[in-house]
């Protein structure tokens, strides 16, 4: 493996733009200087840091829990998303996979109720058991092998220049915190986004049904970043329409374009607004096919 900075990136416009921004941001007095305290870099997760097709890693974990509840109480089929599970409504699951805000909101509400009263530790143990057995249906890899090698190198490159890294995703914050330290090298407190309220009961913390703040999609992302860091991002990376507001707030915006159906997947339905915004605003776009020498941390071949 190439050990030079961003060694898994091809020499092209995207790599040059990243290097030019990061190096200029470190030079006091330069037009691009970013004060050390403002060097906050925020990344979406699904489709930005790891493979999100044919469904995000967390999806089967959530659907398995909801299916078990539906089996125990068939009357839940009157409600969304249980109705979609009972009817095998593919349109709903496509909307969910594309992070449609309405579909995600209904799922978040159901997830809140499904794990209501579960202790902090019990939820983490449940998620860890699921992750230990999960394998990608196409690549046969565990979740850790689905991480994009170029993005891990970007993490290291930014750290070397004093940037603090955060992940902000519409996916469950507490699910991501189970894997963030070993997978991304990020401390748990640097993973933010959709999560339930907690309550202290008899010496333990338990999950509540209500969401803590908005769903971390669209404008919810910069809201979480500002609440957590007291700043808007200097550097932000995402891959689809629900990342537009996050990218729009950043001094440097990186949009990952999925166009390689050989080494990964090619898709754009959920990124049309993002691609238009990138062209209009001059964001840097990184093509999986043309800008990345290597895609996955662990190769399927």
Protein backbone atom coordinates (compact mmCIF):
# COMPACT_ATOMS: atom_id res chain seq x y z
CA UNK A 1 0.00 0.00 0.00
CA UNK A 2 1.19 3.50 -0.83
CA UNK A 3 2.21 5.20 2.43
CA UNK A 4 2.36 8.76 1.04
CA UNK A 5 -0.40 11.15 2.10
CA UNK A 6 -3.64 10.28 0.28
CA UNK A 7 -1.85 7.40 -1.41
CA UNK A 8 -5.12 5.73 -2.43
CA UNK A 9 -6.18 8.88 -4.30
CA UNK A 10 -5.28 9.32 -7.96
CA UNK A 11 -3.47 12.50 -8.82
CA UNK A 12 -6.27 14.67 -10.13
CA UNK A 13 -8.39 17.72 -9.45
CA UNK A 14 -10.02 16.33 -6.30
CA UNK A 15 -6.76 15.36 -4.61
CA UNK A 16 -5.12 18.66 -5.58
CA UNK A 17 -8.05 20.65 -4.24
CA UNK A 18 -7.94 18.83 -0.89
CA UNK A 19 -4.17 19.24 -0.54
CA UNK A 20 -4.27 22.90 -1.58
CA UNK A 21 -7.01 23.69 0.93
CA UNK A 22 -5.50 21.80 3.86
CA UNK A 23 -1.98 23.13 3.37
CA UNK A 24 -3.18 26.70 2.80
CA UNK A 25 -5.42 26.50 5.87
CA UNK A 26 -2.33 25.82 7.99
CA UNK A 27 -0.39 28.89 6.83
CA UNK A 28 -1.09 31.92 8.99
CA UNK A 29 -1.51 35.01 6.86
CA UNK A 30 -2.55 33.11 3.74
CA UNK A 31 -6.00 33.83 2.24
CA UNK A 32 -7.10 30.30 3.08
CA UNK A 33 -5.89 30.29 6.68
CA UNK A 34 -8.17 28.54 9.17
CA UNK A 35 -7.44 29.22 12.83
CA UNK A 36 -6.61 26.04 14.77
CA UNK A 37 -9.74 26.27 16.92
CA UNK A 38 -11.88 26.44 13.76
CA UNK A 39 -10.39 23.34 12.14
CA UNK A 40 -13.51 21.23 12.47
CA UNK A 41 -14.07 18.55 9.79
CA UNK A 42 -17.42 16.76 9.62
CA UNK A 43 -18.26 13.64 7.65
CA UNK A 44 -21.48 11.91 6.78
CA UNK A 45 -21.25 8.13 7.29
CA UNK A 46 -23.33 5.95 4.92
CA UNK A 47 -22.00 6.35 1.39
CA UNK A 48 -19.29 8.75 2.54
CA UNK A 49 -17.18 6.63 4.87
CA UNK A 50 -18.38 3.15 3.93
CA UNK A 51 -20.58 1.24 1.50
CA UNK A 52 -24.30 1.95 1.89
CA UNK A 53 -25.69 -0.33 -0.84
CA UNK A 54 -27.75 -2.42 -1.20
CA UNK A 55 -28.73 -1.24 2.29
CA UNK A 56 -26.91 0.51 5.14
CA UNK A 57 -25.17 -1.73 7.67
CA UNK A 58 -27.62 -0.75 10.40
CA UNK A 59 -30.74 -1.56 8.38
CA UNK A 60 -31.08 -5.28 9.14
CA UNK A 61 -30.39 -4.61 12.82
CA UNK A 62 -33.33 -2.22 13.00
CA UNK A 63 -35.68 -4.23 10.78
CA UNK A 64 -35.01 -7.40 12.74
CA UNK A 65 -36.03 -5.66 15.95
CA UNK A 66 -39.19 -4.21 14.41
CA UNK A 67 -40.16 -7.52 12.79
CA UNK A 68 -39.93 -9.23 16.18
CA UNK A 69 -42.20 -6.58 17.71
CA UNK A 70 -44.67 -6.96 14.85
CA UNK A 71 -44.79 -10.73 15.35
CA UNK A 72 -45.49 -10.21 19.05
CA UNK A 73 -48.13 -7.53 18.38
CA UNK A 74 -49.76 -7.77 14.89
CA UNK A 75 -51.84 -4.65 15.63
CA UNK A 76 -48.69 -2.60 14.96
CA UNK A 77 -49.25 -3.27 11.26
CA UNK A 78 -51.65 -0.32 11.26
CA UNK A 79 -48.66 2.02 11.67
CA UNK A 80 -45.75 2.99 9.48
CA UNK A 81 -43.14 1.44 9.18
CA UNK A 82 -44.68 -1.77 10.53
CA UNK A 83 -47.24 -1.67 7.73
CA UNK A 84 -44.38 -1.60 5.20
CA UNK A 85 -42.74 -4.58 6.91
CA UNK A 86 -45.99 -6.56 6.92
CA UNK A 87 -46.79 -5.67 3.28
CA UNK A 88 -43.18 -5.98 2.07
CA UNK A 89 -43.54 -2.50 0.64
CA UNK A 90 -40.43 -2.09 -1.49
CA UNK A 91 -41.22 1.56 -2.25
CA UNK A 92 -40.96 2.42 1.44
CA UNK A 93 -37.64 0.64 1.81
CA UNK A 94 -36.27 2.33 -1.29
CA UNK A 95 -37.26 5.67 0.20
CA UNK A 96 -35.62 4.68 3.46
CA UNK A 97 -32.46 3.57 1.70
CA UNK A 98 -32.38 6.91 -0.14
CA UNK A 99 -32.77 8.67 3.24
CA UNK A 100 -36.08 10.26 2.36
CA UNK A 101 -36.80 12.49 5.39
CA UNK A 102 -40.41 11.31 5.84
CA UNK A 103 -39.47 7.64 5.67
CA UNK A 104 -36.55 8.15 8.01
CA UNK A 105 -38.69 10.10 10.48
CA UNK A 106 -41.22 7.28 10.71
CA UNK A 107 -38.45 4.75 11.19
CA UNK A 108 -36.76 6.84 13.88
CA UNK A 109 -40.04 7.06 15.78
CA UNK A 110 -40.51 3.28 15.61
CA UNK A 111 -36.92 2.65 16.68
CA UNK A 112 -37.38 4.95 19.66
CA UNK A 113 -40.35 2.92 20.85
CA UNK A 114 -38.70 -0.44 20.10
CA UNK A 115 -35.76 0.19 22.40
CA UNK A 116 -37.56 2.34 24.97
CA UNK A 117 -36.44 1.44 28.48
CA UNK A 118 -33.34 -0.43 27.24
CA UNK A 119 -30.22 0.37 29.21
CA UNK A 120 -27.28 2.04 27.53
CA UNK A 121 -25.14 -1.08 28.00
CA UNK A 122 -27.79 -3.54 26.81
CA UNK A 123 -28.28 -1.64 23.55
CA UNK A 124 -24.55 -1.57 22.88
CA UNK A 125 -24.24 -5.30 23.58
CA UNK A 126 -27.11 -6.02 21.19
CA UNK A 127 -25.52 -3.89 18.46
CA UNK A 128 -22.11 -5.50 19.01
CA UNK A 129 -23.55 -9.01 18.64
CA UNK A 130 -25.22 -8.01 15.40
CA UNK A 131 -22.06 -6.42 14.00
CA UNK A 132 -19.97 -9.47 14.90
CA UNK A 133 -22.09 -11.71 12.67
CA UNK A 134 -23.03 -9.28 9.88
CA UNK A 135 -21.53 -9.77 6.41
CA UNK A 136 -22.10 -7.80 3.22
CA UNK A 137 -24.22 -9.78 0.78
CA UNK A 138 -22.09 -8.98 -2.28
CA UNK A 139 -18.57 -8.70 -0.91
CA UNK A 140 -18.85 -11.13 2.00
CA UNK A 141 -16.96 -8.67 4.18
CA UNK A 142 -17.61 -7.62 7.78
CA UNK A 143 -18.58 -3.99 8.35
CA UNK A 144 -14.95 -3.05 9.04
CA UNK A 145 -13.96 -4.09 5.52
CA UNK A 146 -16.51 -1.81 3.88
CA UNK A 147 -14.80 1.40 4.97
CA UNK A 148 -13.36 3.45 2.14
CA UNK A 149 -9.57 3.40 2.32
CA UNK A 150 -9.23 6.87 0.70
CA UNK A 151 -11.42 8.37 3.43
CA UNK A 152 -9.37 6.79 6.21
CA UNK A 153 -6.31 8.36 4.60
CA UNK A 154 -8.13 11.67 4.46
CA UNK A 155 -8.81 11.37 8.20
CA UNK A 156 -5.10 10.87 8.84
CA UNK A 157 -4.15 13.74 6.56
CA UNK A 158 -6.50 16.18 8.26
CA UNK A 159 -5.36 15.08 11.73
CA UNK A 160 -1.76 15.77 10.75
CA UNK A 161 -2.77 19.40 10.13
CA UNK A 162 -4.61 19.82 13.40
CA UNK A 163 -8.17 19.18 12.29
CA UNK A 164 -10.69 17.71 14.72
CA UNK A 165 -12.86 15.08 13.07
CA UNK A 166 -16.55 14.39 13.62
CA UNK A 167 -19.09 12.05 12.06
CA UNK A 168 -22.66 13.30 11.78
CA UNK A 169 -25.17 10.86 10.33
CA UNK A 170 -28.89 10.25 10.08
CA UNK A 171 -28.08 6.71 11.20
CA UNK A 172 -28.20 5.94 14.90
CA UNK A 173 -25.53 7.76 16.86
CA UNK A 174 -25.33 5.04 19.51
CA UNK A 175 -25.02 2.30 16.89
CA UNK A 176 -22.07 4.13 15.28
CA UNK A 177 -20.42 4.69 18.64
CA UNK A 178 -20.09 0.93 19.08
CA UNK A 179 -17.70 0.77 16.14
CA UNK A 180 -16.20 4.26 15.78
CA UNK A 181 -13.03 3.78 17.81
CA UNK A 182 -11.87 0.59 16.11
CA UNK A 183 -13.14 1.49 12.64
CA UNK A 184 -12.36 5.19 12.25
CA UNK A 185 -10.08 5.87 15.20
CA UNK A 186 -12.57 8.45 16.47
CA UNK A 187 -13.55 8.88 20.12
CA UNK A 188 -17.22 8.32 20.86
CA UNK A 189 -17.86 11.96 21.69
CA UNK A 190 -16.95 12.85 18.10
CA UNK A 191 -19.86 10.83 16.71
CA UNK A 192 -23.01 12.95 16.70
CA UNK A 193 -26.48 12.80 15.16
CA UNK A 194 -29.81 11.07 15.56
CA UNK A 195 -30.23 9.66 19.06
CA UNK A 196 -32.87 9.20 21.76
CA UNK A 197 -33.24 11.04 24.99
CA UNK A 198 -31.88 9.17 28.02
CA UNK A 199 -33.18 9.03 31.57
CA UNK A 200 -31.38 8.10 34.77
CA UNK A 201 -33.19 5.32 36.64
CA UNK A 202 -31.86 3.49 39.71
CA UNK A 203 -28.24 4.02 38.80
CA UNK A 204 -28.48 3.23 35.07
CA UNK A 205 -29.15 5.22 31.92
CA UNK A 206 -32.09 4.02 29.85
CA UNK A 207 -33.29 4.99 26.39
CA UNK A 208 -36.47 7.01 25.94
CA UNK A 209 -38.83 6.87 22.96
CA UNK A 210 -38.47 10.55 22.09
CA UNK A 211 -35.66 11.75 19.83
CA UNK A 212 -33.04 14.12 21.24
CA UNK A 213 -33.23 16.97 18.75
CA UNK A 214 -34.04 16.68 15.03
CA UNK A 215 -33.23 13.78 12.73
CA UNK A 216 -29.67 14.35 11.51
CA UNK A 217 -30.62 14.85 7.89
CA UNK A 218 -30.61 18.04 5.83
CA UNK A 219 -30.63 21.09 8.13
CA UNK A 220 -30.44 18.78 11.15
CA UNK A 221 -26.79 18.06 10.39
CA UNK A 222 -25.37 21.57 10.81
CA UNK A 223 -27.66 22.00 13.83
CA UNK A 224 -25.98 19.05 15.53
CA UNK A 225 -22.52 20.23 14.53
CA UNK A 226 -23.11 23.71 15.93
CA UNK A 227 -24.60 22.32 19.14
CA UNK A 228 -21.68 19.92 19.65
CA UNK A 229 -18.74 22.10 18.59
CA UNK A 230 -19.97 25.69 18.84
CA UNK A 231 -18.80 26.09 15.25
CA UNK A 232 -19.85 25.27 11.72
CA UNK A 233 -17.52 22.97 9.79
CA UNK A 234 -14.44 24.24 8.04
CA UNK A 235 -14.31 21.00 6.05
CA UNK A 236 -17.30 18.76 5.30
CA UNK A 237 -17.85 15.62 3.23
CA UNK A 238 -21.05 13.92 2.13
CA UNK A 239 -22.54 12.03 -0.78
CA UNK A 240 -26.22 12.81 -1.27
CA UNK A 241 -29.08 15.28 -0.99
CA UNK A 242 -29.45 15.07 2.80
CA UNK A 243 -25.86 16.34 3.11
CA UNK A 244 -26.40 19.54 1.12
CA UNK A 245 -26.98 21.82 4.11
CA UNK A 246 -23.90 20.46 5.90
CA UNK A 247 -21.72 20.96 2.84
CA UNK A 248 -23.18 24.39 2.20
CA UNK A 249 -22.02 25.54 5.66
CA UNK A 250 -18.40 24.50 5.15
CA UNK A 251 -15.50 26.47 3.75
CA UNK A 252 -14.43 23.35 1.86
CA UNK A 253 -17.09 20.88 0.69
CA UNK A 254 -16.30 17.42 -0.67
CA UNK A 255 -19.03 15.44 -2.47
CA UNK A 256 -18.38 11.73 -3.04
CA UNK A 257 -19.80 10.58 -6.39
CA UNK A 258 -20.70 6.90 -6.69
CA UNK A 259 -20.01 5.94 -10.31
CA UNK A 260 -18.09 2.65 -10.08
CA UNK A 261 -20.33 -0.40 -10.44
CA UNK A 262 -17.35 -2.75 -10.69
CA UNK A 263 -15.52 -2.02 -7.46
CA UNK A 264 -18.57 -0.71 -5.59
CA UNK A 265 -21.94 0.64 -6.83
CA UNK A 266 -23.04 3.31 -9.30
CA UNK A 267 -26.07 5.37 -8.27
CA UNK A 268 -27.26 8.96 -8.30
CA UNK A 269 -31.02 9.06 -7.60
CA UNK A 270 -30.54 10.41 -4.08
CA UNK A 271 -27.82 12.88 -5.06
CA UNK A 272 -29.33 14.99 -7.84
CA UNK A 273 -29.78 18.09 -5.69
CA UNK A 274 -26.32 17.59 -4.20
CA UNK A 275 -24.67 17.35 -7.61
CA UNK A 276 -26.47 20.45 -8.82
CA UNK A 277 -25.38 22.30 -5.67
CA UNK A 278 -21.79 21.13 -6.18
CA UNK A 279 -21.72 22.52 -9.70
CA UNK A 280 -23.39 25.76 -8.66
CA UNK A 281 -21.24 26.34 -5.57
CA UNK A 282 -17.92 25.02 -6.81
CA UNK A 283 -17.65 22.16 -4.34
CA UNK A 284 -14.97 19.54 -4.90
CA UNK A 285 -16.35 16.26 -6.24
CA UNK A 286 -14.52 12.96 -5.82
CA UNK A 287 -15.38 10.20 -8.28
CA UNK A 288 -15.09 6.70 -6.83
CA UNK A 289 -14.24 5.44 -10.31
CA UNK A 290 -11.67 8.02 -11.33
CA UNK A 291 -10.30 9.58 -8.13
CA UNK A 292 -9.76 6.49 -5.98
CA UNK A 293 -7.03 3.95 -6.74
CA UNK A 294 -8.36 1.75 -3.98
CA UNK A 295 -11.95 1.70 -2.75
CA UNK A 296 -12.42 -0.70 0.15
CA UNK A 297 -10.21 -1.11 3.18
CA UNK A 298 -10.38 -4.87 2.59
CA UNK A 299 -10.46 -6.01 -1.01
CA UNK A 300 -13.12 -8.50 -2.07
CA UNK A 301 -10.84 -9.94 -4.78
